[in-house]
Amino acid sequence: MSTNIYDTANSLEKELRDSQEYITLVAAFNEVKKDEAASKMYHDFQEVQMKLQQKQMSGEQITEDEIAEAQNLAQTSGENDVIKELMEAEQRLSILIEDLNRIIMKPVQDVYQG
């Protein structure tokens, strides 16, 4: 029996969309989009995160001011109930994806770990 691995991946994609973690994430994100202040705060936080990641990846030094700005935005965002729900939903989905990645990568790990 030969299974097309891409068919399996497409099935996994559909099951991920049907998972409670994904459904909760979509609902939480929609709540953030409805709240203008929360939406702006969330997008500001994302922009700062991306800017810092790009600097890290290019080997640039991150300043203390940039770190303080990111920490301040993270704290302020975490105090907003709508954003807090979204962040918790993101974390739950991330855990699910990490678990799936661990399962998918097991054969490769077995090769190297014998």
PDB file of N, CA and C in Angstrom:
ATOM      1  N   MET A   1       0.847  -1.183   0.000  1.00  0.00           N
ATOM      2  CA  MET A   1       0.000   0.000   0.000  1.00  0.00           C
ATOM      3  C   MET A   1       0.889   1.241   0.000  1.00  0.00           C
ATOM      4  N   SER A   2       0.622   2.121  -0.911  1.00  0.00           N
ATOM      5  CA  SER A   2       1.411   3.342  -1.030  1.00  0.00           C
ATOM      6  C   SER A   2       0.537   4.546  -0.713  1.00  0.00           C
ATOM      7  N   THR A   3       0.938   5.292   0.294  1.00  0.00           N
ATOM      8  CA  THR A   3       0.210   6.493   0.675  1.00  0.00           C
ATOM      9  C   THR A   3       0.992   7.701   0.180  1.00  0.00           C
ATOM     10  N   ASN A   4       0.300   8.608  -0.467  1.00  0.00           N
ATOM     11  CA  ASN A   4       0.944   9.842  -0.904  1.00  0.00           C
ATOM     12  C   ASN A   4       1.105  10.738   0.322  1.00  0.00           C
ATOM     13  N   ILE A   5       2.342  11.041   0.647  1.00  0.00           N
ATOM     14  CA  ILE A   5       2.624  11.820   1.854  1.00  0.00           C
ATOM     15  C   ILE A   5       1.977  13.207   1.796  1.00  0.00           C
ATOM     16  N   TYR A   6       1.797  13.744   0.591  1.00  0.00           N
ATOM     17  CA  TYR A   6       1.157  15.054   0.458  1.00  0.00           C
ATOM     18  C   TYR A   6      -0.337  14.973   0.753  1.00  0.00           C
ATOM     19  N   ASP A   7      -0.950  13.828   0.425  1.00  0.00           N
ATOM     20  CA  ASP A   7      -2.357  13.633   0.796  1.00  0.00           C
ATOM     21  C   ASP A   7      -2.487  13.608   2.315  1.00  0.00           C
ATOM     22  N   THR A   8      -1.543  12.938   2.965  1.00  0.00           N
ATOM     23  CA  THR A   8      -1.536  12.887   4.427  1.00  0.00           C
ATOM     24  C   THR A   8      -1.353  14.290   5.007  1.00  0.00           C
ATOM     25  N   ALA A   9      -0.446  15.061   4.427  1.00  0.00           N
ATOM     26  CA  ALA A   9      -0.204  16.431   4.902  1.00  0.00           C
ATOM     27  C   ALA A   9      -1.447  17.295   4.712  1.00  0.00           C
ATOM     28  N   ASN A  10      -2.125  17.135   3.582  1.00  0.00           N
ATOM     29  CA  ASN A  10      -3.354  17.901   3.349  1.00  0.00           C
ATOM     30  C   ASN A  10      -4.455  17.499   4.318  1.00  0.00           C
ATOM     31  N   SER A  11      -4.518  16.222   4.661  1.00  0.00           N
ATOM     32  CA  SER A  11      -5.491  15.769   5.666  1.00  0.00           C
ATOM     33  C   SER A  11      -5.160  16.363   7.031  1.00  0.00           C
ATOM     34  N   LEU A  12      -3.880  16.401   7.355  1.00  0.00           N
ATOM     35  CA  LEU A  12      -3.447  16.985   8.620  1.00  0.00           C
ATOM     36  C   LEU A  12      -3.806  18.468   8.672  1.00  0.00           C
ATOM     37  N   GLU A  13      -3.632  19.157   7.556  1.00  0.00           N
ATOM     38  CA  GLU A  13      -3.986  20.580   7.497  1.00  0.00           C
ATOM     39  C   GLU A  13      -5.468  20.779   7.787  1.00  0.00           C
ATOM     40  N   LYS A  14      -6.306  19.924   7.204  1.00  0.00           N
ATOM     41  CA  LYS A  14      -7.747  20.026   7.438  1.00  0.00           C
ATOM     42  C   LYS A  14      -8.075  19.723   8.900  1.00  0.00           C
ATOM     43  N   GLU A  15      -7.449  18.694   9.444  1.00  0.00           N
ATOM     44  CA  GLU A  15      -7.698  18.346  10.846  1.00  0.00           C
ATOM     45  C   GLU A  15      -7.226  19.454  11.784  1.00  0.00           C
ATOM     46  N   LEU A  16      -6.134  20.109  11.430  1.00  0.00           N
ATOM     47  CA  LEU A  16      -5.659  21.235  12.236  1.00  0.00           C
ATOM     48  C   LEU A  16      -6.701  22.350  12.239  1.00  0.00           C
ATOM     49  N   ARG A  17      -7.266  22.644  11.067  1.00  0.00           N
ATOM     50  CA  ARG A  17      -8.304  23.673  10.981  1.00  0.00           C
ATOM     51  C   ARG A  17      -9.555  23.302  11.782  1.00  0.00           C
ATOM     52  N   ASP A  18      -9.793  22.006  11.933  1.00  0.00           N
ATOM     53  CA  ASP A  18     -10.954  21.528  12.686  1.00  0.00           C
ATOM     54  C   ASP A  18     -10.671  21.374  14.180  1.00  0.00           C
ATOM     55  N   SER A  19      -9.412  21.543  14.583  1.00  0.00           N
ATOM     56  CA  SER A  19      -9.047  21.346  15.988  1.00  0.00           C
ATOM     57  C   SER A  19      -9.600  22.471  16.858  1.00  0.00           C
ATOM     58  N   GLN A  20      -9.847  22.141  18.111  1.00  0.00           N
ATOM     59  CA  GLN A  20     -10.350  23.142  19.054  1.00  0.00           C
ATOM     60  C   GLN A  20      -9.349  24.276  19.240  1.00  0.00           C
ATOM     61  N   GLU A  21      -8.065  23.942  19.210  1.00  0.00           N
ATOM     62  CA  GLU A  21      -7.028  24.960  19.381  1.00  0.00           C
ATOM     63  C   GLU A  21      -7.093  26.003  18.261  1.00  0.00           C
ATOM     64  N   TYR A  22      -7.260  25.546  17.029  1.00  0.00           N
ATOM     65  CA  TYR A  22      -7.333  26.466  15.893  1.00  0.00           C
ATOM     66  C   TYR A  22      -8.618  27.284  15.932  1.00  0.00           C
ATOM     67  N   ILE A  23      -9.730  26.617  16.200  1.00  0.00           N
ATOM     68  CA  ILE A  23     -11.027  27.301  16.260  1.00  0.00           C
ATOM     69  C   ILE A  23     -11.004  28.387  17.332  1.00  0.00           C
ATOM     70  N   THR A  24     -10.403  28.072  18.479  1.00  0.00           N
ATOM     71  CA  THR A  24     -10.287  29.045  19.567  1.00  0.00           C
ATOM     72  C   THR A  24      -9.402  30.217  19.153  1.00  0.00           C
ATOM     73  N   LEU A  25      -8.311  29.929  18.449  1.00  0.00           N
ATOM     74  CA  LEU A  25      -7.420  30.988  17.973  1.00  0.00           C
ATOM     75  C   LEU A  25      -8.156  31.933  17.021  1.00  0.00           C
ATOM     76  N   VAL A  26      -8.887  31.385  16.075  1.00  0.00           N
ATOM     77  CA  VAL A  26      -9.625  32.219  15.112  1.00  0.00           C
ATOM     78  C   VAL A  26     -10.626  33.111  15.842  1.00  0.00           C
ATOM     79  N   ALA A  27     -11.351  32.527  16.795  1.00  0.00           N
ATOM     80  CA  ALA A  27     -12.340  33.308  17.548  1.00  0.00           C
ATOM     81  C   ALA A  27     -11.662  34.419  18.346  1.00  0.00           C
ATOM     82  N   ALA A  28     -10.539  34.096  18.988  1.00  0.00           N
ATOM     83  CA  ALA A  28      -9.819  35.094  19.781  1.00  0.00           C
ATOM     84  C   ALA A  28      -9.271  36.204  18.883  1.00  0.00           C
ATOM     85  N   PHE A  29      -8.755  35.847  17.719  1.00  0.00           N
ATOM     86  CA  PHE A  29      -8.219  36.855  16.802  1.00  0.00           C
ATOM     87  C   PHE A  29      -9.333  37.764  16.291  1.00  0.00           C
ATOM     88  N   ASN A  30     -10.492  37.181  16.023  1.00  0.00           N
ATOM     89  CA  ASN A  30     -11.633  37.990  15.580  1.00  0.00           C
ATOM     90  C   ASN A  30     -12.067  38.976  16.659  1.00  0.00           C
ATOM     91  N   GLU A  31     -11.977  38.577  17.921  1.00  0.00           N
ATOM     92  CA  GLU A  31     -12.311  39.485  19.026  1.00  0.00           C
ATOM     93  C   GLU A  31     -11.325  40.647  19.089  1.00  0.00           C
ATOM     94  N   VAL A  32     -10.055  40.354  18.855  1.00  0.00           N
ATOM     95  CA  VAL A  32      -9.046  41.420  18.847  1.00  0.00           C
ATOM     96  C   VAL A  32      -9.335  42.393  17.706  1.00  0.00           C
ATOM     97  N   LYS A  33      -9.662  41.859  16.533  1.00  0.00           N
ATOM     98  CA  LYS A  33      -9.945  42.729  15.380  1.00  0.00           C
ATOM     99  C   LYS A  33     -11.148  43.637  15.632  1.00  0.00           C
ATOM    100  N   LYS A  34     -12.108  43.170  16.430  1.00  0.00           N
ATOM    101  CA  LYS A  34     -13.305  43.970  16.732  1.00  0.00           C
ATOM    102  C   LYS A  34     -13.006  45.133  17.675  1.00  0.00           C
ATOM    103  N   ASP A  35     -11.963  44.984  18.483  1.00  0.00           N
ATOM    104  CA  ASP A  35     -11.596  45.981  19.487  1.00  0.00           C
ATOM    105  C   ASP A  35     -10.457  46.834  18.919  1.00  0.00           C
ATOM    106  N   GLU A  36     -10.771  48.062  18.532  1.00  0.00           N
ATOM    107  CA  GLU A  36      -9.796  48.915  17.848  1.00  0.00           C
ATOM    108  C   GLU A  36      -8.520  49.123  18.668  1.00  0.00           C
ATOM    109  N   ALA A  37      -8.675  49.389  19.956  1.00  0.00           N
ATOM    110  CA  ALA A  37      -7.501  49.627  20.809  1.00  0.00           C
ATOM    111  C   ALA A  37      -6.666  48.357  20.937  1.00  0.00           C
ATOM    112  N   ALA A  38      -7.331  47.228  21.149  1.00  0.00           N
ATOM    113  CA  ALA A  38      -6.613  45.959  21.282  1.00  0.00           C
ATOM    114  C   ALA A  38      -5.916  45.596  19.973  1.00  0.00           C
ATOM    115  N   SER A  39      -6.584  45.838  18.867  1.00  0.00           N
ATOM    116  CA  SER A  39      -6.012  45.526  17.562  1.00  0.00           C
ATOM    117  C   SER A  39      -4.744  46.340  17.314  1.00  0.00           C
ATOM    118  N   LYS A  40      -4.788  47.628  17.616  1.00  0.00           N
ATOM    119  CA  LYS A  40      -3.609  48.483  17.429  1.00  0.00           C
ATOM    120  C   LYS A  40      -2.468  48.027  18.338  1.00  0.00           C
ATOM    121  N   MET A  41      -2.804  47.746  19.591  1.00  0.00           N
ATOM    122  CA  MET A  41      -1.795  47.318  20.549  1.00  0.00           C
ATOM    123  C   MET A  41      -1.146  46.004  20.086  1.00  0.00           C
ATOM    124  N   TYR A  42      -1.965  45.079  19.616  1.00  0.00           N
ATOM    125  CA  TYR A  42      -1.466  43.780  19.166  1.00  0.00           C
ATOM    126  C   TYR A  42      -0.550  43.947  17.948  1.00  0.00           C
ATOM    127  N   HIS A  43      -0.971  44.759  16.990  1.00  0.00           N
ATOM    128  CA  HIS A  43      -0.153  44.970  15.795  1.00  0.00           C
ATOM    129  C   HIS A  43       1.145  45.707  16.125  1.00  0.00           C
ATOM    130  N   ASP A  44       1.097  46.648  17.052  1.00  0.00           N
ATOM    131  CA  ASP A  44       2.316  47.335  17.489  1.00  0.00           C
ATOM    132  C   ASP A  44       3.295  46.334  18.107  1.00  0.00           C
ATOM    133  N   PHE A  45       2.769  45.445  18.936  1.00  0.00           N
ATOM    134  CA  PHE A  45       3.596  44.431  19.580  1.00  0.00           C
ATOM    135  C   PHE A  45       4.218  43.506  18.530  1.00  0.00           C
ATOM    136  N   GLN A  46       3.426  43.092  17.544  1.00  0.00           N
ATOM    137  CA  GLN A  46       3.948  42.230  16.480  1.00  0.00           C
ATOM    138  C   GLN A  46       5.060  42.925  15.698  1.00  0.00           C
ATOM    139  N   GLU A  47       4.871  44.197  15.397  1.00  0.00           N
ATOM    140  CA  GLU A  47       5.883  44.949  14.645  1.00  0.00           C
ATOM    141  C   GLU A  47       7.200  45.017  15.408  1.00  0.00           C
ATOM    142  N   VAL A  48       7.112  45.278  16.702  1.00  0.00           N
ATOM    143  CA  VAL A  48       8.326  45.341  17.518  1.00  0.00           C
ATOM    144  C   VAL A  48       9.007  43.977  17.550  1.00  0.00           C
ATOM    145  N   GLN A  49       8.226  42.916  17.708  1.00  0.00           N
ATOM    146  CA  GLN A  49       8.799  41.566  17.718  1.00  0.00           C
ATOM    147  C   GLN A  49       9.517  41.263  16.404  1.00  0.00           C
ATOM    148  N   MET A  50       8.872  41.574  15.289  1.00  0.00           N
ATOM    149  CA  MET A  50       9.486  41.304  13.977  1.00  0.00           C
ATOM    150  C   MET A  50      10.762  42.112  13.786  1.00  0.00           C
ATOM    151  N   LYS A  51      10.728  43.365  14.215  1.00  0.00           N
ATOM    152  CA  LYS A  51      11.906  44.225  14.083  1.00  0.00           C
ATOM    153  C   LYS A  51      13.075  43.634  14.878  1.00  0.00           C
ATOM    154  N   LEU A  52      12.798  43.177  16.098  1.00  0.00           N
ATOM    155  CA  LEU A  52      13.854  42.607  16.926  1.00  0.00           C
ATOM    156  C   LEU A  52      14.364  41.292  16.344  1.00  0.00           C
ATOM    157  N   GLN A  53      13.469  40.466  15.821  1.00  0.00           N
ATOM    158  CA  GLN A  53      13.892  39.204  15.203  1.00  0.00           C
ATOM    159  C   GLN A  53      14.777  39.458  13.988  1.00  0.00           C
ATOM    160  N   GLN A  54      14.406  40.438  13.176  1.00  0.00           N
ATOM    161  CA  GLN A  54      15.209  40.765  11.995  1.00  0.00           C
ATOM    162  C   GLN A  54      16.595  41.249  12.398  1.00  0.00           C
ATOM    163  N   LYS A  55      16.657  42.053  13.446  1.00  0.00           N
ATOM    164  CA  LYS A  55      17.957  42.537  13.917  1.00  0.00           C
ATOM    165  C   LYS A  55      18.804  41.367  14.406  1.00  0.00           C
ATOM    166  N   GLN A  56      18.189  40.463  15.155  1.00  0.00           N
ATOM    167  CA  GLN A  56      18.922  39.300  15.655  1.00  0.00           C
ATOM    168  C   GLN A  56      19.451  38.456  14.506  1.00  0.00           C
ATOM    169  N   MET A  57      18.589  38.199  13.524  1.00  0.00           N
ATOM    170  CA  MET A  57      18.973  37.345  12.404  1.00  0.00           C
ATOM    171  C   MET A  57      20.078  37.970  11.560  1.00  0.00           C
ATOM    172  N   SER A  58      20.132  39.282  11.518  1.00  0.00           N
ATOM    173  CA  SER A  58      21.176  39.949  10.737  1.00  0.00           C
ATOM    174  C   SER A  58      22.422  40.229  11.576  1.00  0.00           C
ATOM    175  N   GLY A  59      22.404  39.799  12.828  1.00  0.00           N
ATOM    176  CA  GLY A  59      23.568  39.950  13.687  1.00  0.00           C
ATOM    177  C   GLY A  59      23.708  41.319  14.323  1.00  0.00           C
ATOM    178  N   GLU A  60      22.680  42.143  14.200  1.00  0.00           N
ATOM    179  CA  GLU A  60      22.727  43.474  14.805  1.00  0.00           C
ATOM    180  C   GLU A  60      22.465  43.381  16.305  1.00  0.00           C
ATOM    181  N   GLN A  61      23.049  44.318  17.020  1.00  0.00           N
ATOM    182  CA  GLN A  61      22.848  44.386  18.466  1.00  0.00           C
ATOM    183  C   GLN A  61      21.491  45.027  18.770  1.00  0.00           C
ATOM    184  N   ILE A  62      20.762  44.428  19.685  1.00  0.00           N
ATOM    185  CA  ILE A  62      19.483  44.993  20.122  1.00  0.00           C
ATOM    186  C   ILE A  62      19.764  45.910  21.303  1.00  0.00           C
ATOM    187  N   THR A  63      19.260  47.128  21.223  1.00  0.00           N
ATOM    188  CA  THR A  63      19.537  48.107  22.273  1.00  0.00           C
ATOM    189  C   THR A  63      18.657  47.855  23.498  1.00  0.00           C
ATOM    190  N   GLU A  64      19.091  48.415  24.608  1.00  0.00           N
ATOM    191  CA  GLU A  64      18.301  48.292  25.834  1.00  0.00           C
ATOM    192  C   GLU A  64      16.958  48.994  25.692  1.00  0.00           C
ATOM    193  N   ASP A  65      16.931  50.087  24.941  1.00  0.00           N
ATOM    194  CA  ASP A  65      15.665  50.793  24.700  1.00  0.00           C
ATOM    195  C   ASP A  65      14.686  49.911  23.930  1.00  0.00           C
ATOM    196  N   GLU A  66      15.193  49.180  22.951  1.00  0.00           N
ATOM    197  CA  GLU A  66      14.328  48.281  22.176  1.00  0.00           C
ATOM    198  C   GLU A  66      13.807  47.143  23.040  1.00  0.00           C
ATOM    199  N   ILE A  67      14.659  46.626  23.895  1.00  0.00           N
ATOM    200  CA  ILE A  67      14.238  45.563  24.815  1.00  0.00           C
ATOM    201  C   ILE A  67      13.177  46.100  25.765  1.00  0.00           C
ATOM    202  N   ALA A  68      13.409  47.289  26.298  1.00  0.00           N
ATOM    203  CA  ALA A  68      12.442  47.899  27.216  1.00  0.00           C
ATOM    204  C   ALA A  68      11.110  48.148  26.516  1.00  0.00           C
ATOM    205  N   GLU A  69      11.162  48.610  25.267  1.00  0.00           N
ATOM    206  CA  GLU A  69       9.935  48.848  24.506  1.00  0.00           C
ATOM    207  C   GLU A  69       9.160  47.541  24.311  1.00  0.00           C
ATOM    208  N   ALA A  70       9.871  46.477  23.958  1.00  0.00           N
ATOM    209  CA  ALA A  70       9.228  45.178  23.752  1.00  0.00           C
ATOM    210  C   ALA A  70       8.625  44.660  25.054  1.00  0.00           C
ATOM    211  N   GLN A  71       9.361  44.795  26.141  1.00  0.00           N
ATOM    212  CA  GLN A  71       8.852  44.339  27.437  1.00  0.00           C
ATOM    213  C   GLN A  71       7.630  45.138  27.860  1.00  0.00           C
ATOM    214  N   ASN A  72       7.668  46.433  27.637  1.00  0.00           N
ATOM    215  CA  ASN A  72       6.546  47.294  27.990  1.00  0.00           C
ATOM    216  C   ASN A  72       5.306  46.920  27.176  1.00  0.00           C
ATOM    217  N   LEU A  73       5.481  46.741  25.871  1.00  0.00           N
ATOM    218  CA  LEU A  73       4.354  46.351  25.024  1.00  0.00           C
ATOM    219  C   LEU A  73       3.822  44.975  25.409  1.00  0.00           C
ATOM    220  N   ALA A  74       4.720  44.048  25.739  1.00  0.00           N
ATOM    221  CA  ALA A  74       4.289  42.708  26.140  1.00  0.00           C
ATOM    222  C   ALA A  74       3.472  42.776  27.424  1.00  0.00           C
ATOM    223  N   GLN A  75       3.941  43.563  28.380  1.00  0.00           N
ATOM    224  CA  GLN A  75       3.219  43.690  29.646  1.00  0.00           C
ATOM    225  C   GLN A  75       1.865  44.353  29.435  1.00  0.00           C
ATOM    226  N   THR A  76       1.851  45.444  28.690  1.00  0.00           N
ATOM    227  CA  THR A  76       0.600  46.159  28.431  1.00  0.00           C
ATOM    228  C   THR A  76      -0.378  45.274  27.671  1.00  0.00           C
ATOM    229  N   SER A  77       0.125  44.558  26.676  1.00  0.00           N
ATOM    230  CA  SER A  77      -0.730  43.659  25.898  1.00  0.00           C
ATOM    231  C   SER A  77      -1.295  42.554  26.775  1.00  0.00           C
ATOM    232  N   GLY A  78      -0.460  42.014  27.653  1.00  0.00           N
ATOM    233  CA  GLY A  78      -0.893  40.938  28.538  1.00  0.00           C
ATOM    234  C   GLY A  78      -1.938  41.367  29.547  1.00  0.00           C
ATOM    235  N   GLU A  79      -2.030  42.669  29.785  1.00  0.00           N
ATOM    236  CA  GLU A  79      -3.031  43.185  30.723  1.00  0.00           C
ATOM    237  C   GLU A  79      -4.381  43.413  30.046  1.00  0.00           C
ATOM    238  N   ASN A  80      -4.402  43.391  28.722  1.00  0.00           N
ATOM    239  CA  ASN A  80      -5.644  43.552  27.967  1.00  0.00           C
ATOM    240  C   ASN A  80      -6.287  42.169  27.834  1.00  0.00           C
ATOM    241  N   ASP A  81      -7.499  42.011  28.370  1.00  0.00           N
ATOM    242  CA  ASP A  81      -8.142  40.695  28.400  1.00  0.00           C
ATOM    243  C   ASP A  81      -8.324  40.081  27.019  1.00  0.00           C
ATOM    244  N   VAL A  82      -8.655  40.897  26.029  1.00  0.00           N
ATOM    245  CA  VAL A  82      -8.880  40.382  24.676  1.00  0.00           C
ATOM    246  C   VAL A  82      -7.567  39.854  24.090  1.00  0.00           C
ATOM    247  N   ILE A  83      -6.501  40.613  24.267  1.00  0.00           N
ATOM    248  CA  ILE A  83      -5.193  40.181  23.763  1.00  0.00           C
ATOM    249  C   ILE A  83      -4.684  38.994  24.572  1.00  0.00           C
ATOM    250  N   LYS A  84      -4.924  39.013  25.863  1.00  0.00           N
ATOM    251  CA  LYS A  84      -4.498  37.903  26.718  1.00  0.00           C
ATOM    252  C   LYS A  84      -5.127  36.595  26.244  1.00  0.00           C
ATOM    253  N   GLU A  85      -6.412  36.629  25.900  1.00  0.00           N
ATOM    254  CA  GLU A  85      -7.087  35.430  25.377  1.00  0.00           C
ATOM    255  C   GLU A  85      -6.434  34.969  24.077  1.00  0.00           C
ATOM    256  N   LEU A  86      -6.103  35.925  23.208  1.00  0.00           N
ATOM    257  CA  LEU A  86      -5.454  35.574  21.944  1.00  0.00           C
ATOM    258  C   LEU A  86      -4.086  34.948  22.202  1.00  0.00           C
ATOM    259  N   MET A  87      -3.312  35.537  23.090  1.00  0.00           N
ATOM    260  CA  MET A  87      -1.979  35.001  23.386  1.00  0.00           C
ATOM    261  C   MET A  87      -2.064  33.594  23.971  1.00  0.00           C
ATOM    262  N   GLU A  88      -3.053  33.365  24.817  1.00  0.00           N
ATOM    263  CA  GLU A  88      -3.239  32.027  25.382  1.00  0.00           C
ATOM    264  C   GLU A  88      -3.641  31.037  24.294  1.00  0.00           C
ATOM    265  N   ALA A  89      -4.499  31.468  23.368  1.00  0.00           N
ATOM    266  CA  ALA A  89      -4.905  30.603  22.256  1.00  0.00           C
ATOM    267  C   ALA A  89      -3.711  30.305  21.347  1.00  0.00           C
ATOM    268  N   GLU A  90      -2.872  31.323  21.099  1.00  0.00           N
ATOM    269  CA  GLU A  90      -1.668  31.120  20.291  1.00  0.00           C
ATOM    270  C   GLU A  90      -0.750  30.098  20.952  1.00  0.00           C
ATOM    271  N   GLN A  91      -0.628  30.190  22.263  1.00  0.00           N
ATOM    272  CA  GLN A  91       0.246  29.270  22.987  1.00  0.00           C
ATOM    273  C   GLN A  91      -0.275  27.838  22.907  1.00  0.00           C
ATOM    274  N   ARG A  92      -1.592  27.656  23.067  1.00  0.00           N
ATOM    275  CA  ARG A  92      -2.161  26.306  22.985  1.00  0.00           C
ATOM    276  C   ARG A  92      -1.977  25.715  21.584  1.00  0.00           C
ATOM    277  N   LEU A  93      -2.177  26.527  20.549  1.00  0.00           N
ATOM    278  CA  LEU A  93      -1.978  26.037  19.184  1.00  0.00           C
ATOM    279  C   LEU A  93      -0.502  25.732  18.944  1.00  0.00           C
ATOM    280  N   SER A  94       0.369  26.554  19.463  1.00  0.00           N
ATOM    281  CA  SER A  94       1.804  26.332  19.317  1.00  0.00           C
ATOM    282  C   SER A  94       2.229  25.008  19.949  1.00  0.00           C
ATOM    283  N   ILE A  95       1.671  24.688  21.097  1.00  0.00           N
ATOM    284  CA  ILE A  95       1.978  23.412  21.759  1.00  0.00           C
ATOM    285  C   ILE A  95       1.531  22.250  20.884  1.00  0.00           C
ATOM    286  N   LEU A  96       0.334  22.360  20.301  1.00  0.00           N
ATOM    287  CA  LEU A  96      -0.167  21.314  19.412  1.00  0.00           C
ATOM    288  C   LEU A  96       0.762  21.143  18.213  1.00  0.00           C
ATOM    289  N   ILE A  97       1.174  22.252  17.610  1.00  0.00           N
ATOM    290  CA  ILE A  97       2.052  22.185  16.441  1.00  0.00           C
ATOM    291  C   ILE A  97       3.418  21.609  16.816  1.00  0.00           C
ATOM    292  N   GLU A  98       3.932  21.968  17.985  1.00  0.00           N
ATOM    293  CA  GLU A  98       5.200  21.392  18.453  1.00  0.00           C
ATOM    294  C   GLU A  98       5.069  19.886  18.624  1.00  0.00           C
ATOM    295  N   ASP A  99       3.948  19.434  19.180  1.00  0.00           N
ATOM    296  CA  ASP A  99       3.713  17.998  19.339  1.00  0.00           C
ATOM    297  C   ASP A  99       3.675  17.299  17.978  1.00  0.00           C
ATOM    298  N   LEU A 100       2.971  17.904  17.023  1.00  0.00           N
ATOM    299  CA  LEU A 100       2.892  17.327  15.678  1.00  0.00           C
ATOM    300  C   LEU A 100       4.268  17.299  15.025  1.00  0.00           C
ATOM    301  N   ASN A 101       5.022  18.361  15.183  1.00  0.00           N
ATOM    302  CA  ASN A 101       6.366  18.414  14.615  1.00  0.00           C
ATOM    303  C   ASN A 101       7.260  17.328  15.214  1.00  0.00           C
ATOM    304  N   ARG A 102       7.138  17.111  16.498  1.00  0.00           N
ATOM    305  CA  ARG A 102       7.927  16.075  17.170  1.00  0.00           C
ATOM    306  C   ARG A 102       7.590  14.701  16.579  1.00  0.00           C
ATOM    307  N   ILE A 103       6.296  14.447  16.353  1.00  0.00           N
ATOM    308  CA  ILE A 103       5.863  13.171  15.775  1.00  0.00           C
ATOM    309  C   ILE A 103       6.379  13.034  14.343  1.00  0.00           C
ATOM    310  N   ILE A 104       6.244  14.087  13.557  1.00  0.00           N
ATOM    311  CA  ILE A 104       6.672  14.049  12.156  1.00  0.00           C
ATOM    312  C   ILE A 104       8.181  13.851  12.046  1.00  0.00           C
ATOM    313  N   MET A 105       8.934  14.458  12.931  1.00  0.00           N
ATOM    314  CA  MET A 105      10.394  14.399  12.858  1.00  0.00           C
ATOM    315  C   MET A 105      10.997  13.158  13.515  1.00  0.00           C
ATOM    316  N   LYS A 106      10.173  12.338  14.162  1.00  0.00           N
ATOM    317  CA  LYS A 106      10.684  11.158  14.860  1.00  0.00           C
ATOM    318  C   LYS A 106      11.515  10.245  13.958  1.00  0.00           C
ATOM    319  N   PRO A 107      11.084   9.922  12.730  1.00  0.00           N
ATOM    320  CA  PRO A 107      11.920   9.057  11.890  1.00  0.00           C
ATOM    321  C   PRO A 107      13.308   9.644  11.622  1.00  0.00           C
ATOM    322  N   VAL A 108      13.387  10.947  11.447  1.00  0.00           N
ATOM    323  CA  VAL A 108      14.678  11.589  11.194  1.00  0.00           C
ATOM    324  C   VAL A 108      15.541  11.524  12.456  1.00  0.00           C
ATOM    325  N   GLN A 109      14.930  11.766  13.603  1.00  0.00           N
ATOM    326  CA  GLN A 109      15.675  11.670  14.864  1.00  0.00           C
ATOM    327  C   GLN A 109      16.183  10.250  15.079  1.00  0.00           C
ATOM    328  N   ASP A 110      15.355   9.270  14.729  1.00  0.00           N
ATOM    329  CA  ASP A 110      15.755   7.869  14.889  1.00  0.00           C
ATOM    330  C   ASP A 110      16.995   7.544  14.062  1.00  0.00           C
ATOM    331  N   VAL A 111      17.109   8.143  12.888  1.00  0.00           N
ATOM    332  CA  VAL A 111      18.278   7.913  12.039  1.00  0.00           C
ATOM    333  C   VAL A 111      19.543   8.353  12.771  1.00  0.00           C
ATOM    334  N   TYR A 112      19.494   9.529  13.378  1.00  0.00           N
ATOM    335  CA  TYR A 112      20.682  10.088  14.008  1.00  0.00           C
ATOM    336  C   TYR A 112      20.927   9.574  15.419  1.00  0.00           C
ATOM    337  N   GLN A 113      19.873   9.121  16.074  1.00  0.00           N
ATOM    338  CA  GLN A 113      20.036   8.646  17.445  1.00  0.00           C
ATOM    339  C   GLN A 113      20.149   7.132  17.504  1.00  0.00           C
ATOM    340  N   GLY A 114      19.998   6.477  16.379  1.00  0.00           N
ATOM    341  CA  GLY A 114      20.166   5.039  16.233  1.00  0.00           C
ATOM    342  C   GLY A 114      19.263   4.273  17.089  1.00  0.00           C
TER     343      GLY A 114
END
